[in-house]
C-alpha atoms as a PDB file:
ATOM      1  CA  MET A   1    -113.335  47.628-119.750  1.00  0.00           C
ATOM      2  CA  SER A   2    -113.468  48.548-116.050  1.00  0.00           C
ATOM      3  CA  SER A   3    -112.579  46.498-112.985  1.00  0.00           C
ATOM      4  CA  SER A   4    -116.215  46.272-111.864  1.00  0.00           C
ATOM      5  CA  ASN A   5    -117.214  44.789-115.211  1.00  0.00           C
ATOM      6  CA  TYR A   6    -116.000  41.288-114.429  1.00  0.00           C
ATOM      7  CA  GLU A   7    -118.724  40.404-111.920  1.00  0.00           C
ATOM      8  CA  SER A   8    -121.513  41.646-114.198  1.00  0.00           C
ATOM      9  CA  LEU A   9    -119.850  39.945-117.187  1.00  0.00           C
ATOM     10  CA  LYS A  10    -119.694  36.715-115.179  1.00  0.00           C
ATOM     11  CA  GLN A  11    -123.369  36.883-114.182  1.00  0.00           C
ATOM     12  CA  GLU A  12    -124.488  37.627-117.760  1.00  0.00           C
ATOM     13  CA  PHE A  13    -122.290  34.845-119.138  1.00  0.00           C
ATOM     14  CA  ILE A  14    -123.606  32.261-116.658  1.00  0.00           C
ATOM     15  CA  ALA A  15    -127.189  33.316-117.404  1.00  0.00           C
ATOM     16  CA  LEU A  16    -126.712  32.459-121.095  1.00  0.00           C
ATOM     17  CA  GLY A  17    -127.039  28.767-120.316  1.00  0.00           C
ATOM     18  CA  ALA A  18    -126.348  26.743-123.453  1.00  0.00           C
ATOM     19  CA  TRP A  19    -122.780  26.410-124.702  1.00  0.00           C
ATOM     20  CA  GLN A  20    -123.719  27.693-128.163  1.00  0.00           C
ATOM     21  CA  GLN A  21    -124.897  30.971-126.615  1.00  0.00           C
ATOM     22  CA  ARG A  22    -121.733  31.247-124.524  1.00  0.00           C
ATOM     23  CA  TYR A  23    -119.575  30.484-127.550  1.00  0.00           C
ATOM     24  CA  ARG A  24    -121.306  33.256-129.503  1.00  0.00           C
ATOM     25  CA  GLU A  25    -120.816  35.621-126.559  1.00  0.00           C
ATOM     26  CA  LEU A  26    -117.095  34.765-126.491  1.00  0.00           C
ATOM     27  CA  MET A  27    -116.866  35.774-130.143  1.00  0.00           C
ATOM     28  CA  LEU A  28    -118.623  39.070-129.389  1.00  0.00           C
ATOM     29  CA  LEU A  29    -116.380  39.744-126.386  1.00  0.00           C
ATOM     30  CA  GLY A  30    -113.361  39.157-128.610  1.00  0.00           C
ATOM     31  CA  LYS A  31    -114.471  42.081-130.765  1.00  0.00           C
ATOM     32  CA  LYS A  32    -114.363  44.297-127.653  1.00  0.00           C
ATOM     33  CA  LEU A  33    -110.747  43.451-126.857  1.00  0.00           C
ATOM     34  CA  PRO A  34    -108.622  46.584-127.356  1.00  0.00           C
ATOM     35  CA  VAL A  35    -106.542  46.387-130.531  1.00  0.00           C
ATOM     36  CA  MET A  36    -102.829  45.751-130.118  1.00  0.00           C
ATOM     37  CA  THR A  37    -100.659  47.356-132.766  1.00  0.00           C
ATOM     38  CA  SER A  38     -98.746  44.980-134.994  1.00  0.00           C
ATOM     39  CA  ALA A  39     -95.484  46.570-133.812  1.00  0.00           C
ATOM     40  CA  LEU A  40     -96.093  44.964-130.390  1.00  0.00           C
ATOM     41  CA  LYS A  41     -96.781  41.514-131.829  1.00  0.00           C
ATOM     42  CA  VAL A  42     -93.209  40.295-131.582  1.00  0.00           C
ATOM     43  CA  ASP A  43     -91.870  36.859-130.674  1.00  0.00           C
ATOM     44  CA  ASP A  44     -90.678  38.038-127.244  1.00  0.00           C
ATOM     45  CA  ALA A  45     -94.280  38.946-126.360  1.00  0.00           C
ATOM     46  CA  LYS A  46     -95.719  35.545-127.332  1.00  0.00           C
ATOM     47  CA  VAL A  47     -97.115  33.367-124.573  1.00  0.00           C
ATOM     48  CA  SER A  48     -95.628  29.902-124.876  1.00  0.00           C
ATOM     49  CA  GLY A  49     -97.995  27.003-124.352  1.00  0.00           C
ATOM     50  CA  CYS A  50    -100.822  28.501-126.422  1.00  0.00           C
ATOM     51  CA  GLU A  51    -102.100  26.753-129.545  1.00  0.00           C
ATOM     52  CA  SER A  52    -102.969  30.115-131.129  1.00  0.00           C
ATOM     53  CA  ASN A  53    -100.674  33.107-131.280  1.00  0.00           C
ATOM     54  CA  VAL A  54    -101.118  35.108-128.085  1.00  0.00           C
ATOM     55  CA  TRP A  55     -99.126  38.241-127.390  1.00  0.00           C
ATOM     56  CA  MET A  56     -99.111  39.715-123.907  1.00  0.00           C
ATOM     57  CA  TYR A  57     -97.409  42.561-122.099  1.00  0.00           C
ATOM     58  CA  ILE A  58     -97.586  42.926-118.337  1.00  0.00           C
ATOM     59  CA  ASP A  59     -96.245  45.892-116.427  1.00  0.00           C
ATOM     60  CA  PHE A  60     -96.523  47.285-112.905  1.00  0.00           C
ATOM     61  CA  ASP A  61     -97.741  50.843-112.397  1.00  0.00           C
ATOM     62  CA  GLN A  62     -96.070  51.772-109.111  1.00  0.00           C
ATOM     63  CA  SER A  63     -97.984  55.036-108.763  1.00  0.00           C
ATOM     64  CA  GLU A  64    -101.292  53.135-108.867  1.00  0.00           C
ATOM     65  CA  ASP A  65    -100.023  49.862-107.311  1.00  0.00           C
ATOM     66  CA  ARG A  66    -101.751  48.021-110.168  1.00  0.00           C
ATOM     67  CA  LEU A  67    -100.799  45.622-112.905  1.00  0.00           C
ATOM     68  CA  VAL A  68    -101.261  46.780-116.479  1.00  0.00           C
ATOM     69  CA  ILE A  69    -101.946  43.973-118.941  1.00  0.00           C
ATOM     70  CA  VAL A  70    -102.348  44.202-122.705  1.00  0.00           C
ATOM     71  CA  ALA A  71    -102.971  41.106-124.810  1.00  0.00           C
ATOM     72  CA  ASP A  72    -104.149  39.979-128.229  1.00  0.00           C
ATOM     73  CA  SER A  73    -104.537  36.818-130.280  1.00  0.00           C
ATOM     74  CA  ASP A  74    -104.955  35.841-133.904  1.00  0.00           C
ATOM     75  CA  THR A  75    -108.141  33.834-133.219  1.00  0.00           C
ATOM     76  CA  ARG A  76    -111.559  35.174-132.256  1.00  0.00           C
ATOM     77  CA  ILE A  77    -112.350  32.680-129.524  1.00  0.00           C
ATOM     78  CA  VAL A  78    -109.016  33.322-127.790  1.00  0.00           C
ATOM     79  CA  LYS A  79    -109.637  37.062-128.046  1.00  0.00           C
ATOM     80  CA  GLY A  80    -112.896  36.475-126.170  1.00  0.00           C
ATOM     81  CA  LEU A  81    -111.117  34.398-123.553  1.00  0.00           C
ATOM     82  CA  LEU A  82    -108.482  37.128-123.224  1.00  0.00           C
ATOM     83  CA  TYR A  83    -111.239  39.692-122.732  1.00  0.00           C
ATOM     84  CA  ILE A  84    -112.561  37.646-119.819  1.00  0.00           C
ATOM     85  CA  ILE A  85    -109.093  37.148-118.337  1.00  0.00           C
ATOM     86  CA  LEU A  86    -108.177  40.819-118.621  1.00  0.00           C
ATOM     87  CA  SER A  87    -111.456  41.937-117.070  1.00  0.00           C
ATOM     88  CA  MET A  88    -110.831  39.466-114.219  1.00  0.00           C
ATOM     89  CA  TYR A  89    -107.458  41.082-113.430  1.00  0.00           C
ATOM     90  CA  LEU A  90    -108.054  44.691-114.472  1.00  0.00           C
ATOM     91  CA  GLY A  91    -107.472  47.283-111.762  1.00  0.00           C
ATOM     92  CA  LYS A  92    -106.130  44.758-109.260  1.00  0.00           C
ATOM     93  CA  THR A  93    -103.056  45.094-107.074  1.00  0.00           C
ATOM     94  CA  PRO A  94    -100.423  42.350-107.391  1.00  0.00           C
ATOM     95  CA  ALA A  95    -101.619  40.811-104.101  1.00  0.00           C
ATOM     96  CA  GLU A  96    -105.223  40.767-105.377  1.00  0.00           C
ATOM     97  CA  VAL A  97    -104.093  39.200-108.661  1.00  0.00           C
ATOM     98  CA  VAL A  98    -102.260  36.383-106.878  1.00  0.00           C
ATOM     99  CA  ALA A  99    -105.359  35.720-104.738  1.00  0.00           C
ATOM    100  CA  ILE A 100    -107.627  35.140-107.766  1.00  0.00           C
ATOM    101  CA  ASP A 101    -108.409  31.485-108.453  1.00  0.00           C
ATOM    102  CA  ALA A 102    -108.731  31.741-112.238  1.00  0.00           C
ATOM    103  CA  HIS A 103    -109.349  28.001-112.611  1.00  0.00           C
ATOM    104  CA  LYS A 104    -112.351  28.272-110.276  1.00  0.00           C
ATOM    105  CA  GLU A 105    -113.612  31.325-112.168  1.00  0.00           C
ATOM    106  CA  PHE A 106    -113.415  29.520-115.509  1.00  0.00           C
ATOM    107  CA  GLU A 107    -115.180  26.504-113.987  1.00  0.00           C
ATOM    108  CA  GLU A 108    -117.994  28.772-112.744  1.00  0.00           C
ATOM    109  CA  LEU A 109    -118.240  30.322-116.205  1.00  0.00           C
ATOM    110  CA  GLY A 110    -118.620  26.813-117.629  1.00  0.00           C
ATOM    111  CA  LEU A 111    -115.754  27.277-120.050  1.00  0.00           C
ATOM    112  CA  LEU A 112    -113.159  24.656-119.222  1.00  0.00           C
ATOM    113  CA  LYS A 113    -115.340  21.645-119.983  1.00  0.00           C
ATOM    114  CA  HIS A 114    -116.110  22.992-123.475  1.00  0.00           C
ATOM    115  CA  LEU A 115    -112.622  24.036-124.524  1.00  0.00           C
ATOM    116  CA  SER A 116    -110.138  21.717-126.157  1.00  0.00           C
ATOM    117  CA  PRO A 117    -107.317  20.522-123.883  1.00  0.00           C
ATOM    118  CA  SER A 118    -104.836  22.667-125.829  1.00  0.00           C
ATOM    119  CA  ARG A 119    -107.013  25.788-125.345  1.00  0.00           C
ATOM    120  CA  GLY A 120    -107.309  24.955-121.659  1.00  0.00           C
ATOM    121  CA  ASN A 121    -103.516  24.676-121.479  1.00  0.00           C
ATOM    122  CA  GLY A 122    -103.237  28.030-123.234  1.00  0.00           C
ATOM    123  CA  ILE A 123    -105.477  29.662-120.622  1.00  0.00           C
ATOM    124  CA  LYS A 124    -103.335  28.137-117.874  1.00  0.00           C
ATOM    125  CA  ALA A 125    -100.182  29.503-119.541  1.00  0.00           C
ATOM    126  CA  ILE A 126    -101.676  33.014-119.779  1.00  0.00           C
ATOM    127  CA  VAL A 127    -102.849  32.991-116.159  1.00  0.00           C
ATOM    128  CA  GLN A 128     -99.530  31.538-114.987  1.00  0.00           C
ATOM    129  CA  SER A 129     -97.621  34.347-116.756  1.00  0.00           C
ATOM    130  CA  ILE A 130     -99.806  36.966-115.067  1.00  0.00           C
ATOM    131  CA  ASN A 131     -99.449  35.316-111.646  1.00  0.00           C
ATOM    132  CA  GLN A 132     -95.668  34.937-111.944  1.00  0.00           C
ATOM    133  CA  PHE A 133     -95.351  38.612-112.813  1.00  0.00           C
ATOM    134  CA  ALA A 134     -97.686  39.672-109.975  1.00  0.00           C
ATOM    135  CA  GLN A 135     -95.785  37.593-107.407  1.00  0.00           C
ATOM    136  CA  GLN A 136     -92.717  39.755-107.987  1.00  0.00           C
ATOM    137  CA  TYR A 137     -94.617  42.762-106.608  1.00  0.00           C
ATOM    138  CA  ALA A 138     -97.057  41.156-104.146  1.00  0.00           C
END
């Protein structure tokens, strides 16, 4: 996963058209999400507000002026959504992270209208956690 991947991922995803194709692509993207060891899947790392279990760690690499984010879930669709979110934020400075309009990005990807309200709330909780962390360093 590299920082330039998000724009090409977005274009490919939009080109898929039908929701069934996008849903299948989400499942495939979930398989690409780096594996998080079970030792890191602790209650303190859980994102509250998510229907599924989502574990996330965010750190700031001062030498690179970049956020480092690692996340995982126990459901395939959420893993795919996490893959998209992480690729959206990967390699960004805290100021760049805060400037991203994730809601707009998910609208352009055509995801929000097809996800259940609880999944949508989970995405908001994940993005909010990332933004709150980034604001400390922006």
